[in-house]
C-alpha atoms as a PDB file:
ATOM      1  CA  UNK A   1      -0.031  -0.007  -0.065  1.00  0.00           C
ATOM      2  CA  UNK A   2       0.560   3.778  -0.536  1.00  0.00           C
ATOM      3  CA  UNK A   3       0.857   6.756   1.765  1.00  0.00           C
ATOM      4  CA  UNK A   4       0.492  10.370  -0.063  1.00  0.00           C
ATOM      5  CA  UNK A   5       0.727  13.556   1.618  1.00  0.00           C
ATOM      6  CA  UNK A   6      -0.455  16.366  -0.463  1.00  0.00           C
ATOM      7  CA  UNK A   7       0.329  20.228   1.260  1.00  0.00           C
ATOM      8  CA  UNK A   8      -2.266  22.404   0.304  1.00  0.00           C
ATOM      9  CA  UNK A   9      -1.624  25.736  -1.002  1.00  0.00           C
ATOM     10  CA  UNK A  10      -4.035  27.826   0.888  1.00  0.00           C
ATOM     11  CA  UNK A  11      -1.820  30.722   1.078  1.00  0.00           C
ATOM     12  CA  UNK A  12      -2.082  33.730   3.478  1.00  0.00           C
ATOM     13  CA  UNK A  13      -3.672  36.104   1.367  1.00  0.00           C
ATOM     14  CA  UNK A  14      -7.260  35.943   0.789  1.00  0.00           C
ATOM     15  CA  UNK A  15      -7.257  38.294  -1.933  1.00  0.00           C
ATOM     16  CA  UNK A  16      -5.578  36.017  -4.273  1.00  0.00           C
ATOM     17  CA  UNK A  17      -7.469  34.438  -6.990  1.00  0.00           C
ATOM     18  CA  UNK A  18      -5.737  31.147  -7.236  1.00  0.00           C
ATOM     19  CA  UNK A  19      -5.712  30.763  -3.212  1.00  0.00           C
ATOM     20  CA  UNK A  20      -9.523  31.699  -3.041  1.00  0.00           C
ATOM     21  CA  UNK A  21      -9.870  28.721  -5.641  1.00  0.00           C
ATOM     22  CA  UNK A  22      -7.925  26.632  -3.515  1.00  0.00           C
ATOM     23  CA  UNK A  23      -9.926  27.303  -0.524  1.00  0.00           C
ATOM     24  CA  UNK A  24     -13.315  26.514  -2.203  1.00  0.00           C
ATOM     25  CA  UNK A  25     -11.984  23.593  -3.716  1.00  0.00           C
ATOM     26  CA  UNK A  26     -11.068  22.131  -0.482  1.00  0.00           C
ATOM     27  CA  UNK A  27     -14.121  22.848   1.249  1.00  0.00           C
ATOM     28  CA  UNK A  28     -16.186  21.134  -1.496  1.00  0.00           C
ATOM     29  CA  UNK A  29     -15.657  17.224  -0.790  1.00  0.00           C
ATOM     30  CA  UNK A  30     -17.047  16.159  -4.095  1.00  0.00           C
ATOM     31  CA  UNK A  31     -14.593  18.379  -5.907  1.00  0.00           C
ATOM     32  CA  UNK A  32     -11.500  16.682  -3.906  1.00  0.00           C
ATOM     33  CA  UNK A  33     -12.903  13.184  -4.633  1.00  0.00           C
ATOM     34  CA  UNK A  34     -12.793  14.017  -8.052  1.00  0.00           C
ATOM     35  CA  UNK A  35      -9.182  15.459  -7.980  1.00  0.00           C
ATOM     36  CA  UNK A  36      -8.044  12.598  -6.458  1.00  0.00           C
ATOM     37  CA  UNK A  37      -9.728  10.073  -8.504  1.00  0.00           C
ATOM     38  CA  UNK A  38      -7.475  11.497 -11.671  1.00  0.00           C
ATOM     39  CA  UNK A  39      -4.526   9.647  -9.741  1.00  0.00           C
ATOM     40  CA  UNK A  40      -6.060   6.189  -9.761  1.00  0.00           C
ATOM     41  CA  UNK A  41      -7.051   5.022 -13.271  1.00  0.00           C
ATOM     42  CA  UNK A  42      -9.425   2.018 -12.779  1.00  0.00           C
ATOM     43  CA  UNK A  43      -7.865  -1.513 -13.270  1.00  0.00           C
ATOM     44  CA  UNK A  44     -11.448  -3.291 -13.594  1.00  0.00           C
ATOM     45  CA  UNK A  45     -11.289  -6.594 -15.599  1.00  0.00           C
ATOM     46  CA  UNK A  46     -14.349  -5.400 -16.926  1.00  0.00           C
ATOM     47  CA  UNK A  47     -12.369  -2.738 -18.497  1.00  0.00           C
ATOM     48  CA  UNK A  48      -9.572  -4.929 -19.913  1.00  0.00           C
ATOM     49  CA  UNK A  49      -8.944  -4.276 -23.774  1.00  0.00           C
ATOM     50  CA  UNK A  50     -10.020  -0.415 -23.288  1.00  0.00           C
ATOM     51  CA  UNK A  51      -7.912   2.088 -23.926  1.00  0.00           C
ATOM     52  CA  UNK A  52      -6.255   4.499 -21.308  1.00  0.00           C
ATOM     53  CA  UNK A  53      -8.533   6.861 -22.241  1.00  0.00           C
ATOM     54  CA  UNK A  54     -11.676   5.102 -21.766  1.00  0.00           C
ATOM     55  CA  UNK A  55     -10.331   3.347 -18.282  1.00  0.00           C
ATOM     56  CA  UNK A  56      -9.884   7.028 -17.098  1.00  0.00           C
ATOM     57  CA  UNK A  57     -12.905   8.268 -17.851  1.00  0.00           C
ATOM     58  CA  UNK A  58     -14.851   5.247 -16.718  1.00  0.00           C
ATOM     59  CA  UNK A  59     -12.924   5.741 -13.311  1.00  0.00           C
ATOM     60  CA  UNK A  60     -13.651   9.411 -12.926  1.00  0.00           C
ATOM     61  CA  UNK A  61     -17.267   9.428 -13.734  1.00  0.00           C
ATOM     62  CA  UNK A  62     -19.689  11.235 -11.520  1.00  0.00           C
ATOM     63  CA  UNK A  63     -19.752   9.506  -8.052  1.00  0.00           C
ATOM     64  CA  UNK A  64     -23.300   8.403  -7.222  1.00  0.00           C
ATOM     65  CA  UNK A  65     -24.292   7.394  -3.525  1.00  0.00           C
ATOM     66  CA  UNK A  66     -27.512   5.621  -3.178  1.00  0.00           C
ATOM     67  CA  UNK A  67     -30.605   7.271  -3.321  1.00  0.00           C
ATOM     68  CA  UNK A  68     -34.357   6.649  -2.587  1.00  0.00           C
ATOM     69  CA  UNK A  69     -35.292   3.545  -0.614  1.00  0.00           C
ATOM     70  CA  UNK A  70     -31.613   2.155  -1.315  1.00  0.00           C
ATOM     71  CA  UNK A  71     -30.306   5.064   0.755  1.00  0.00           C
ATOM     72  CA  UNK A  72     -32.585   4.647   3.855  1.00  0.00           C
ATOM     73  CA  UNK A  73     -32.495   0.673   4.106  1.00  0.00           C
ATOM     74  CA  UNK A  74     -28.457   0.922   3.277  1.00  0.00           C
ATOM     75  CA  UNK A  75     -26.296  -0.205   6.338  1.00  0.00           C
ATOM     76  CA  UNK A  76     -23.614   1.586   7.702  1.00  0.00           C
ATOM     77  CA  UNK A  77     -20.970   0.681   5.592  1.00  0.00           C
ATOM     78  CA  UNK A  78     -22.885   0.021   2.513  1.00  0.00           C
ATOM     79  CA  UNK A  79     -20.419  -0.195  -0.496  1.00  0.00           C
ATOM     80  CA  UNK A  80     -22.928   2.343  -2.556  1.00  0.00           C
ATOM     81  CA  UNK A  81     -20.596   4.890  -0.189  1.00  0.00           C
ATOM     82  CA  UNK A  82     -17.769   4.039  -2.132  1.00  0.00           C
ATOM     83  CA  UNK A  83     -16.312   4.626  -5.879  1.00  0.00           C
ATOM     84  CA  UNK A  84     -14.376   1.522  -5.995  1.00  0.00           C
ATOM     85  CA  UNK A  85     -14.050  -1.395  -3.256  1.00  0.00           C
ATOM     86  CA  UNK A  86     -11.211  -0.640  -0.971  1.00  0.00           C
ATOM     87  CA  UNK A  87      -9.116  -3.739  -0.542  1.00  0.00           C
ATOM     88  CA  UNK A  88      -5.708  -4.359  -0.554  1.00  0.00           C
ATOM     89  CA  UNK A  89      -5.988  -4.622  -4.309  1.00  0.00           C
ATOM     90  CA  UNK A  90      -7.574  -1.361  -5.285  1.00  0.00           C
ATOM     91  CA  UNK A  91      -9.436   1.600  -4.269  1.00  0.00           C
ATOM     92  CA  UNK A  92      -7.956   4.302  -1.649  1.00  0.00           C
ATOM     93  CA  UNK A  93      -9.044   6.236   1.383  1.00  0.00           C
ATOM     94  CA  UNK A  94      -7.996  10.027   2.380  1.00  0.00           C
ATOM     95  CA  UNK A  95      -8.418  12.468   5.007  1.00  0.00           C
ATOM     96  CA  UNK A  96      -7.932  16.309   5.280  1.00  0.00           C
ATOM     97  CA  UNK A  97      -5.805  17.146   8.262  1.00  0.00           C
ATOM     98  CA  UNK A  98      -4.599  20.396   9.581  1.00  0.00           C
ATOM     99  CA  UNK A  99      -1.422  20.085  11.470  1.00  0.00           C
ATOM    100  CA  UNK A 100       0.561  22.931  12.767  1.00  0.00           C
ATOM    101  CA  UNK A 101       3.346  23.760  10.654  1.00  0.00           C
ATOM    102  CA  UNK A 102       5.500  26.529  11.645  1.00  0.00           C
ATOM    103  CA  UNK A 103       3.092  28.923  13.400  1.00  0.00           C
ATOM    104  CA  UNK A 104       0.222  28.318  11.171  1.00  0.00           C
ATOM    105  CA  UNK A 105      -2.063  25.093  10.405  1.00  0.00           C
ATOM    106  CA  UNK A 106      -1.933  23.983   7.007  1.00  0.00           C
ATOM    107  CA  UNK A 107      -4.263  21.660   5.105  1.00  0.00           C
ATOM    108  CA  UNK A 108      -2.683  18.274   4.222  1.00  0.00           C
ATOM    109  CA  UNK A 109      -4.400  15.464   2.324  1.00  0.00           C
ATOM    110  CA  UNK A 110      -3.559  11.954   3.566  1.00  0.00           C
ATOM    111  CA  UNK A 111      -4.216   9.290   1.132  1.00  0.00           C
ATOM    112  CA  UNK A 112      -3.858   5.747   1.799  1.00  0.00           C
ATOM    113  CA  UNK A 113      -4.227   3.546  -1.759  1.00  0.00           C
ATOM    114  CA  UNK A 114      -3.616  -0.060  -2.946  1.00  0.00           C
ATOM    115  CA  UNK A 115      -1.589   1.148  -5.888  1.00  0.00           C
ATOM    116  CA  UNK A 116       0.768   3.996  -6.213  1.00  0.00           C
ATOM    117  CA  UNK A 117      -0.703   7.268  -7.313  1.00  0.00           C
ATOM    118  CA  UNK A 118      -0.049   9.273 -10.379  1.00  0.00           C
ATOM    119  CA  UNK A 119      -0.294  12.542  -8.812  1.00  0.00           C
ATOM    120  CA  UNK A 120       1.525  14.321 -11.888  1.00  0.00           C
ATOM    121  CA  UNK A 121      -1.425  13.273 -13.742  1.00  0.00           C
ATOM    122  CA  UNK A 122      -3.946  14.436 -11.147  1.00  0.00           C
ATOM    123  CA  UNK A 123      -2.426  17.857 -10.677  1.00  0.00           C
ATOM    124  CA  UNK A 124      -0.689  18.379 -14.000  1.00  0.00           C
ATOM    125  CA  UNK A 125       2.657  18.522 -12.482  1.00  0.00           C
ATOM    126  CA  UNK A 126       4.666  17.025 -15.237  1.00  0.00           C
ATOM    127  CA  UNK A 127       2.101  16.206 -18.111  1.00  0.00           C
ATOM    128  CA  UNK A 128       2.756  13.697 -20.793  1.00  0.00           C
ATOM    129  CA  UNK A 129       6.083  11.667 -19.357  1.00  0.00           C
ATOM    130  CA  UNK A 130       6.506   8.300 -19.857  1.00  0.00           C
ATOM    131  CA  UNK A 131       5.627   6.261 -22.814  1.00  0.00           C
ATOM    132  CA  UNK A 132       1.780   5.972 -23.118  1.00  0.00           C
ATOM    133  CA  UNK A 133      -0.898   5.277 -25.722  1.00  0.00           C
ATOM    134  CA  UNK A 134      -2.776   8.021 -24.270  1.00  0.00           C
ATOM    135  CA  UNK A 135      -1.410  11.176 -22.808  1.00  0.00           C
ATOM    136  CA  UNK A 136      -3.733  13.420 -20.873  1.00  0.00           C
ATOM    137  CA  UNK A 137      -3.518  17.016 -21.773  1.00  0.00           C
ATOM    138  CA  UNK A 138      -1.700  19.589 -19.287  1.00  0.00           C
ATOM    139  CA  UNK A 139      -3.320  19.691 -15.997  1.00  0.00           C
ATOM    140  CA  UNK A 140      -4.839  22.958 -14.716  1.00  0.00           C
ATOM    141  CA  UNK A 141      -4.402  22.079 -10.963  1.00  0.00           C
ATOM    142  CA  UNK A 142      -0.898  22.554  -9.835  1.00  0.00           C
ATOM    143  CA  UNK A 143      -1.745  25.678  -7.951  1.00  0.00           C
ATOM    144  CA  UNK A 144      -3.592  23.533  -5.294  1.00  0.00           C
ATOM    145  CA  UNK A 145      -0.139  22.126  -4.054  1.00  0.00           C
ATOM    146  CA  UNK A 146       2.384  24.091  -2.014  1.00  0.00           C
ATOM    147  CA  UNK A 147       4.918  21.607  -2.386  1.00  0.00           C
ATOM    148  CA  UNK A 148       5.864  18.189  -4.578  1.00  0.00           C
ATOM    149  CA  UNK A 149       3.510  15.038  -2.980  1.00  0.00           C
ATOM    150  CA  UNK A 150       5.337  12.832  -0.722  1.00  0.00           C
ATOM    151  CA  UNK A 151       4.804   9.350  -1.192  1.00  0.00           C
ATOM    152  CA  UNK A 152       5.618   6.458   1.187  1.00  0.00           C
ATOM    153  CA  UNK A 153       5.123   2.690   0.818  1.00  0.00           C
ATOM    154  CA  UNK A 154       3.602   1.070   3.731  1.00  0.00           C
ATOM    155  CA  UNK A 155       2.769  -2.724   4.763  1.00  0.00           C
ATOM    156  CA  UNK A 156       0.333  -3.840   7.190  1.00  0.00           C
ATOM    157  CA  UNK A 157       0.612  -7.336   7.741  1.00  0.00           C
ATOM    158  CA  UNK A 158      -0.414  -9.822  11.114  1.00  0.00           C
ATOM    159  CA  UNK A 159       1.430 -12.966  11.530  1.00  0.00           C
ATOM    160  CA  UNK A 160       3.256 -14.170  14.555  1.00  0.00           C
ATOM    161  CA  UNK A 161       0.328 -13.057  16.705  1.00  0.00           C
ATOM    162  CA  UNK A 162       1.034  -9.165  15.660  1.00  0.00           C
ATOM    163  CA  UNK A 163       0.463  -6.479  13.441  1.00  0.00           C
ATOM    164  CA  UNK A 164       3.390  -5.263  11.724  1.00  0.00           C
ATOM    165  CA  UNK A 165       4.005  -2.071  10.330  1.00  0.00           C
ATOM    166  CA  UNK A 166       6.571  -1.313   7.784  1.00  0.00           C
ATOM    167  CA  UNK A 167       7.499   1.918   5.684  1.00  0.00           C
ATOM    168  CA  UNK A 168       9.840   2.787   2.830  1.00  0.00           C
ATOM    169  CA  UNK A 169      10.406   6.327   1.608  1.00  0.00           C
ATOM    170  CA  UNK A 170      10.030   6.438  -2.189  1.00  0.00           C
ATOM    171  CA  UNK A 171      11.892   8.169  -5.152  1.00  0.00           C
ATOM    172  CA  UNK A 172       9.352  10.156  -6.840  1.00  0.00           C
ATOM    173  CA  UNK A 173       9.385   8.047 -10.155  1.00  0.00           C
ATOM    174  CA  UNK A 174      11.042   4.684  -8.854  1.00  0.00           C
ATOM    175  CA  UNK A 175      10.043   2.226  -6.708  1.00  0.00           C
ATOM    176  CA  UNK A 176      12.718   0.005  -6.841  1.00  0.00           C
ATOM    177  CA  UNK A 177      15.421   2.833  -5.706  1.00  0.00           C
ATOM    178  CA  UNK A 178      14.388   2.777  -2.019  1.00  0.00           C
ATOM    179  CA  UNK A 179      15.066   0.120   1.012  1.00  0.00           C
ATOM    180  CA  UNK A 180      13.111  -0.123   4.249  1.00  0.00           C
ATOM    181  CA  UNK A 181      13.481   1.962   6.913  1.00  0.00           C
ATOM    182  CA  UNK A 182      14.172  -0.080  10.204  1.00  0.00           C
ATOM    183  CA  UNK A 183      13.217   3.083  12.130  1.00  0.00           C
ATOM    184  CA  UNK A 184       9.613   3.164  10.643  1.00  0.00           C
ATOM    185  CA  UNK A 185       9.009  -0.874  11.521  1.00  0.00           C
ATOM    186  CA  UNK A 186       6.952  -1.647  14.379  1.00  0.00           C
ATOM    187  CA  UNK A 187       5.389  -4.965  15.909  1.00  0.00           C
ATOM    188  CA  UNK A 188       2.191  -4.424  17.884  1.00  0.00           C
ATOM    189  CA  UNK A 189       1.269  -7.499  19.945  1.00  0.00           C
ATOM    190  CA  UNK A 190      -2.571  -7.750  21.488  1.00  0.00           C
ATOM    191  CA  UNK A 191      -2.284  -5.439  24.392  1.00  0.00           C
ATOM    192  CA  UNK A 192       0.033  -3.087  23.035  1.00  0.00           C
ATOM    193  CA  UNK A 193      -0.978   0.663  22.920  1.00  0.00           C
ATOM    194  CA  UNK A 194      -1.501   2.469  19.327  1.00  0.00           C
ATOM    195  CA  UNK A 195      -2.164   6.038  18.786  1.00  0.00           C
ATOM    196  CA  UNK A 196      -5.105   6.715  16.388  1.00  0.00           C
ATOM    197  CA  UNK A 197      -6.620   9.268  14.270  1.00  0.00           C
ATOM    198  CA  UNK A 198      -9.779   8.795  12.556  1.00  0.00           C
ATOM    199  CA  UNK A 199     -12.434  11.434  10.765  1.00  0.00           C
ATOM    200  CA  UNK A 200     -15.699   9.391  10.462  1.00  0.00           C
ATOM    201  CA  UNK A 201     -18.989  10.146   9.065  1.00  0.00           C
ATOM    202  CA  UNK A 202     -21.045   8.847  12.412  1.00  0.00           C
ATOM    203  CA  UNK A 203     -24.589   8.150  11.893  1.00  0.00           C
ATOM    204  CA  UNK A 204     -27.439   5.769  12.669  1.00  0.00           C
ATOM    205  CA  UNK A 205     -30.216   4.118  10.696  1.00  0.00           C
ATOM    206  CA  UNK A 206     -33.438   4.863  12.775  1.00  0.00           C
ATOM    207  CA  UNK A 207     -36.862   6.357  12.415  1.00  0.00           C
ATOM    208  CA  UNK A 208     -36.770  10.351  12.453  1.00  0.00           C
ATOM    209  CA  UNK A 209     -39.516  12.609  13.801  1.00  0.00           C
ATOM    210  CA  UNK A 210     -41.379  12.088  10.876  1.00  0.00           C
ATOM    211  CA  UNK A 211     -41.348   8.212  11.736  1.00  0.00           C
ATOM    212  CA  UNK A 212     -39.542   7.845   8.139  1.00  0.00           C
ATOM    213  CA  UNK A 213     -36.055   5.325   8.519  1.00  0.00           C
ATOM    214  CA  UNK A 214     -33.168   7.155   7.466  1.00  0.00           C
ATOM    215  CA  UNK A 215     -29.968   8.142   8.547  1.00  0.00           C
ATOM    216  CA  UNK A 216     -29.395  10.349  11.492  1.00  0.00           C
ATOM    217  CA  UNK A 217     -27.056  11.810  14.001  1.00  0.00           C
ATOM    218  CA  UNK A 218     -26.690   9.990  16.883  1.00  0.00           C
ATOM    219  CA  UNK A 219     -29.448  10.275  19.557  1.00  0.00           C
ATOM    220  CA  UNK A 220     -28.476  12.283  22.658  1.00  0.00           C
ATOM    221  CA  UNK A 221     -30.771  11.472  26.019  1.00  0.00           C
ATOM    222  CA  UNK A 222     -34.136  13.475  25.538  1.00  0.00           C
ATOM    223  CA  UNK A 223     -34.154  14.692  28.989  1.00  0.00           C
ATOM    224  CA  UNK A 224     -30.480  16.054  28.776  1.00  0.00           C
ATOM    225  CA  UNK A 225     -31.967  18.186  25.622  1.00  0.00           C
ATOM    226  CA  UNK A 226     -34.909  19.406  27.490  1.00  0.00           C
ATOM    227  CA  UNK A 227     -32.986  20.446  30.581  1.00  0.00           C
ATOM    228  CA  UNK A 228     -30.827  22.264  27.974  1.00  0.00           C
ATOM    229  CA  UNK A 229     -33.945  23.837  26.181  1.00  0.00           C
ATOM    230  CA  UNK A 230     -35.624  24.817  29.300  1.00  0.00           C
ATOM    231  CA  UNK A 231     -32.810  26.216  31.458  1.00  0.00           C
ATOM    232  CA  UNK A 232     -33.743  29.752  32.714  1.00  0.00           C
ATOM    233  CA  UNK A 233     -30.458  31.100  33.894  1.00  0.00           C
ATOM    234  CA  UNK A 234     -27.003  31.636  32.527  1.00  0.00           C
ATOM    235  CA  UNK A 235     -25.806  29.085  35.303  1.00  0.00           C
ATOM    236  CA  UNK A 236     -27.971  26.629  34.684  1.00  0.00           C
ATOM    237  CA  UNK A 237     -27.485  26.631  30.621  1.00  0.00           C
ATOM    238  CA  UNK A 238     -23.927  26.455  31.050  1.00  0.00           C
ATOM    239  CA  UNK A 239     -24.190  23.488  33.541  1.00  0.00           C
ATOM    240  CA  UNK A 240     -26.994  21.841  30.842  1.00  0.00           C
ATOM    241  CA  UNK A 241     -24.734  22.353  28.133  1.00  0.00           C
ATOM    242  CA  UNK A 242     -21.538  20.878  29.638  1.00  0.00           C
ATOM    243  CA  UNK A 243     -23.730  17.574  30.337  1.00  0.00           C
ATOM    244  CA  UNK A 244     -24.999  17.516  26.804  1.00  0.00           C
ATOM    245  CA  UNK A 245     -21.572  17.760  25.403  1.00  0.00           C
ATOM    246  CA  UNK A 246     -20.247  14.808  28.080  1.00  0.00           C
ATOM    247  CA  UNK A 247     -23.075  12.641  26.733  1.00  0.00           C
ATOM    248  CA  UNK A 248     -22.468  13.502  23.043  1.00  0.00           C
ATOM    249  CA  UNK A 249     -18.768  12.445  23.598  1.00  0.00           C
ATOM    250  CA  UNK A 250     -19.864   9.134  25.062  1.00  0.00           C
ATOM    251  CA  UNK A 251     -22.183   8.164  22.345  1.00  0.00           C
ATOM    252  CA  UNK A 252     -19.465   9.341  19.475  1.00  0.00           C
ATOM    253  CA  UNK A 253     -17.142   7.022  21.717  1.00  0.00           C
ATOM    254  CA  UNK A 254     -19.602   3.971  22.369  1.00  0.00           C
ATOM    255  CA  UNK A 255     -20.257   4.280  18.345  1.00  0.00           C
ATOM    256  CA  UNK A 256     -16.451   4.040  17.704  1.00  0.00           C
ATOM    257  CA  UNK A 257     -15.918   0.824  19.969  1.00  0.00           C
ATOM    258  CA  UNK A 258     -18.992  -1.009  18.293  1.00  0.00           C
ATOM    259  CA  UNK A 259     -16.929  -0.019  14.812  1.00  0.00           C
ATOM    260  CA  UNK A 260     -13.713  -1.736  16.305  1.00  0.00           C
ATOM    261  CA  UNK A 261     -15.201  -4.479  17.676  1.00  0.00           C
ATOM    262  CA  UNK A 262     -12.999  -7.294  18.988  1.00  0.00           C
ATOM    263  CA  UNK A 263     -10.024  -5.483  16.786  1.00  0.00           C
ATOM    264  CA  UNK A 264      -9.020  -3.023  19.294  1.00  0.00           C
ATOM    265  CA  UNK A 265     -10.449  -1.100  22.633  1.00  0.00           C
ATOM    266  CA  UNK A 266     -10.698   2.597  23.432  1.00  0.00           C
ATOM    267  CA  UNK A 267      -8.365   3.908  25.706  1.00  0.00           C
ATOM    268  CA  UNK A 268     -10.871   5.457  28.273  1.00  0.00           C
ATOM    269  CA  UNK A 269     -11.190   7.386  31.578  1.00  0.00           C
ATOM    270  CA  UNK A 270     -12.928   4.822  33.933  1.00  0.00           C
ATOM    271  CA  UNK A 271     -13.697   4.966  37.433  1.00  0.00           C
ATOM    272  CA  UNK A 272     -11.183   2.543  38.395  1.00  0.00           C
ATOM    273  CA  UNK A 273      -8.620   4.110  36.368  1.00  0.00           C
ATOM    274  CA  UNK A 274      -9.185   7.970  36.260  1.00  0.00           C
ATOM    275  CA  UNK A 275      -5.881   8.897  35.212  1.00  0.00           C
ATOM    276  CA  UNK A 276      -6.705   7.801  31.602  1.00  0.00           C
ATOM    277  CA  UNK A 277      -7.597  10.408  29.114  1.00  0.00           C
ATOM    278  CA  UNK A 278     -10.619   9.858  26.716  1.00  0.00           C
ATOM    279  CA  UNK A 279      -9.661  10.271  23.043  1.00  0.00           C
ATOM    280  CA  UNK A 280     -10.221  13.673  21.705  1.00  0.00           C
ATOM    281  CA  UNK A 281     -13.453  14.076  20.054  1.00  0.00           C
ATOM    282  CA  UNK A 282     -14.231  17.172  17.573  1.00  0.00           C
ATOM    283  CA  UNK A 283     -17.646  17.091  15.727  1.00  0.00           C
ATOM    284  CA  UNK A 284     -19.316  19.187  13.246  1.00  0.00           C
ATOM    285  CA  UNK A 285     -20.345  19.452   9.583  1.00  0.00           C
ATOM    286  CA  UNK A 286     -18.903  18.816   6.251  1.00  0.00           C
ATOM    287  CA  UNK A 287     -19.901  20.036   2.855  1.00  0.00           C
ATOM    288  CA  UNK A 288     -20.146  19.522  -1.185  1.00  0.00           C
ATOM    289  CA  UNK A 289     -22.208  20.073  -3.776  1.00  0.00           C
ATOM    290  CA  UNK A 290     -22.676  18.727  -7.367  1.00  0.00           C
ATOM    291  CA  UNK A 291     -24.038  21.107 -10.098  1.00  0.00           C
ATOM    292  CA  UNK A 292     -23.626  22.699 -13.562  1.00  0.00           C
ATOM    293  CA  UNK A 293     -21.347  25.227 -14.845  1.00  0.00           C
ATOM    294  CA  UNK A 294     -22.639  27.945 -17.375  1.00  0.00           C
ATOM    295  CA  UNK A 295     -21.857  31.667 -18.017  1.00  0.00           C
ATOM    296  CA  UNK A 296     -23.589  32.677 -15.105  1.00  0.00           C
ATOM    297  CA  UNK A 297     -21.561  30.905 -12.661  1.00  0.00           C
ATOM    298  CA  UNK A 298     -22.170  27.548 -11.004  1.00  0.00           C
ATOM    299  CA  UNK A 299     -25.792  26.282 -10.635  1.00  0.00           C
ATOM    300  CA  UNK A 300     -25.634  23.402  -7.534  1.00  0.00           C
ATOM    301  CA  UNK A 301     -28.235  20.625  -8.457  1.00  0.00           C
ATOM    302  CA  UNK A 302     -27.529  18.861  -5.311  1.00  0.00           C
ATOM    303  CA  UNK A 303     -26.373  20.068  -1.899  1.00  0.00           C
ATOM    304  CA  UNK A 304     -24.622  17.429   0.440  1.00  0.00           C
ATOM    305  CA  UNK A 305     -23.491  17.533   4.175  1.00  0.00           C
ATOM    306  CA  UNK A 306     -22.201  14.861   6.497  1.00  0.00           C
ATOM    307  CA  UNK A 307     -21.934  14.842  10.255  1.00  0.00           C
ATOM    308  CA  UNK A 308     -17.869  14.555  10.556  1.00  0.00           C
ATOM    309  CA  UNK A 309     -16.239  13.273  13.736  1.00  0.00           C
ATOM    310  CA  UNK A 310     -12.558  13.374  14.387  1.00  0.00           C
ATOM    311  CA  UNK A 311     -11.315  10.944  17.144  1.00  0.00           C
ATOM    312  CA  UNK A 312      -7.658  11.058  18.376  1.00  0.00           C
ATOM    313  CA  UNK A 313      -6.265   9.194  21.280  1.00  0.00           C
ATOM    314  CA  UNK A 314      -4.937   5.826  22.061  1.00  0.00           C
ATOM    315  CA  UNK A 315      -6.402   2.259  21.527  1.00  0.00           C
ATOM    316  CA  UNK A 316      -5.202  -1.224  22.819  1.00  0.00           C
ATOM    317  CA  UNK A 317      -5.046  -3.937  20.283  1.00  0.00           C
ATOM    318  CA  UNK A 318      -7.151  -6.880  20.731  1.00  0.00           C
ATOM    319  CA  UNK A 319      -6.805  -8.816  17.416  1.00  0.00           C
ATOM    320  CA  UNK A 320      -3.948  -7.814  14.821  1.00  0.00           C
ATOM    321  CA  UNK A 321      -6.182  -9.507  12.099  1.00  0.00           C
ATOM    322  CA  UNK A 322      -9.532  -7.480  12.595  1.00  0.00           C
ATOM    323  CA  UNK A 323      -7.242  -4.418  12.897  1.00  0.00           C
ATOM    324  CA  UNK A 324      -5.408  -4.999   9.737  1.00  0.00           C
ATOM    325  CA  UNK A 325      -8.703  -5.422   8.222  1.00  0.00           C
ATOM    326  CA  UNK A 326     -10.138  -2.161   9.797  1.00  0.00           C
ATOM    327  CA  UNK A 327      -7.003  -0.190   8.566  1.00  0.00           C
ATOM    328  CA  UNK A 328      -7.252  -1.744   4.926  1.00  0.00           C
ATOM    329  CA  UNK A 329     -10.611  -0.799   4.497  1.00  0.00           C
ATOM    330  CA  UNK A 330     -11.837   2.367   6.570  1.00  0.00           C
ATOM    331  CA  UNK A 331     -14.446   2.713   9.082  1.00  0.00           C
ATOM    332  CA  UNK A 332     -18.185   4.031   8.527  1.00  0.00           C
ATOM    333  CA  UNK A 333     -19.961   5.345   5.405  1.00  0.00           C
ATOM    334  CA  UNK A 334     -18.903   8.518   3.103  1.00  0.00           C
ATOM    335  CA  UNK A 335     -15.482   6.879   2.645  1.00  0.00           C
ATOM    336  CA  UNK A 336     -15.454   8.589  -1.059  1.00  0.00           C
ATOM    337  CA  UNK A 337     -15.659  12.067   0.974  1.00  0.00           C
ATOM    338  CA  UNK A 338     -12.862  11.759   3.074  1.00  0.00           C
ATOM    339  CA  UNK A 339     -14.097   9.567   6.026  1.00  0.00           C
ATOM    340  CA  UNK A 340     -13.021   6.200   7.174  1.00  0.00           C
ATOM    341  CA  UNK A 341      -9.244   6.477   7.169  1.00  0.00           C
ATOM    342  CA  UNK A 342      -8.055   4.788  10.362  1.00  0.00           C
ATOM    343  CA  UNK A 343      -4.259   5.966  10.960  1.00  0.00           C
ATOM    344  CA  UNK A 344      -2.109   4.202  13.592  1.00  0.00           C
ATOM    345  CA  UNK A 345       1.324   4.901  15.073  1.00  0.00           C
ATOM    346  CA  UNK A 346       3.071   3.112  17.812  1.00  0.00           C
ATOM    347  CA  UNK A 347       3.186   4.883  21.399  1.00  0.00           C
ATOM    348  CA  UNK A 348       7.078   5.792  22.176  1.00  0.00           C
ATOM    349  CA  UNK A 349       7.850   5.783  25.936  1.00  0.00           C
END
């Protein structure tokens, strides 16, 4: 597998036209998904014998999530939420992170893919390189990147009762020019702790206020919500808000623990061990839109939004085989829109 780090060029001057375009692109997860798809021409066996141009057009056709009854009846991990199946042989997952670089937070897109991506093709960095039957036109998106893409080969293997993580730094164009980096090799045994980072679309399928079944945010205790709404003083409202936030954090952690199943256990604060820290839980909405372009500008046909929850903390390895499967396939729905990528790293003493 491969991990790519794409440093996005949002700049520090909101009046610059190219930086305005970059920020608008980054806010629309549908457009981000389209651009990333361009780095992974489809290798579907049904397209054997087709030209590269035909395979490329097939892979980058507009994403169509389930609609109507299919959307209501779909499970949380319905394959309709992804463009291609996420396996060890195909597909990709990604997440937009905002690490602190220097004194500022800079957006970085982390991409985990089954095959090596062609970022030159996707962003127009080096068009027409190599001998191909189909040479794409010069890309028009090189301004989106603040630095050359960084690509690393990674392996997640489960054998000998442990999860083995390895990483290689890659030459930009030649996989064979690199050697394994021993400093990036780690074996996680059952009982070992790992740092993890996950951005997930946390939902449940249940009946809404109108009685119809569908996908909704997790339910918070009605009594807590009424206490917040009925509070008559500032102090009472603040206390009620604190209780609601605690309850919201707990239900989101419970959701993730269910998804982890027997693969791992979240490290959470308990009455027996109050020194343990809860994972960080941040919530908010993520947006995208699909539409047409004409002389008058963009007219959106469909606006989309997802309840996004970012988790950061520690987990305890229980079953290396199951944990590897979650890392490879992702967690939860809406994987095509930047959700589900589970990143892990060793806890260094």
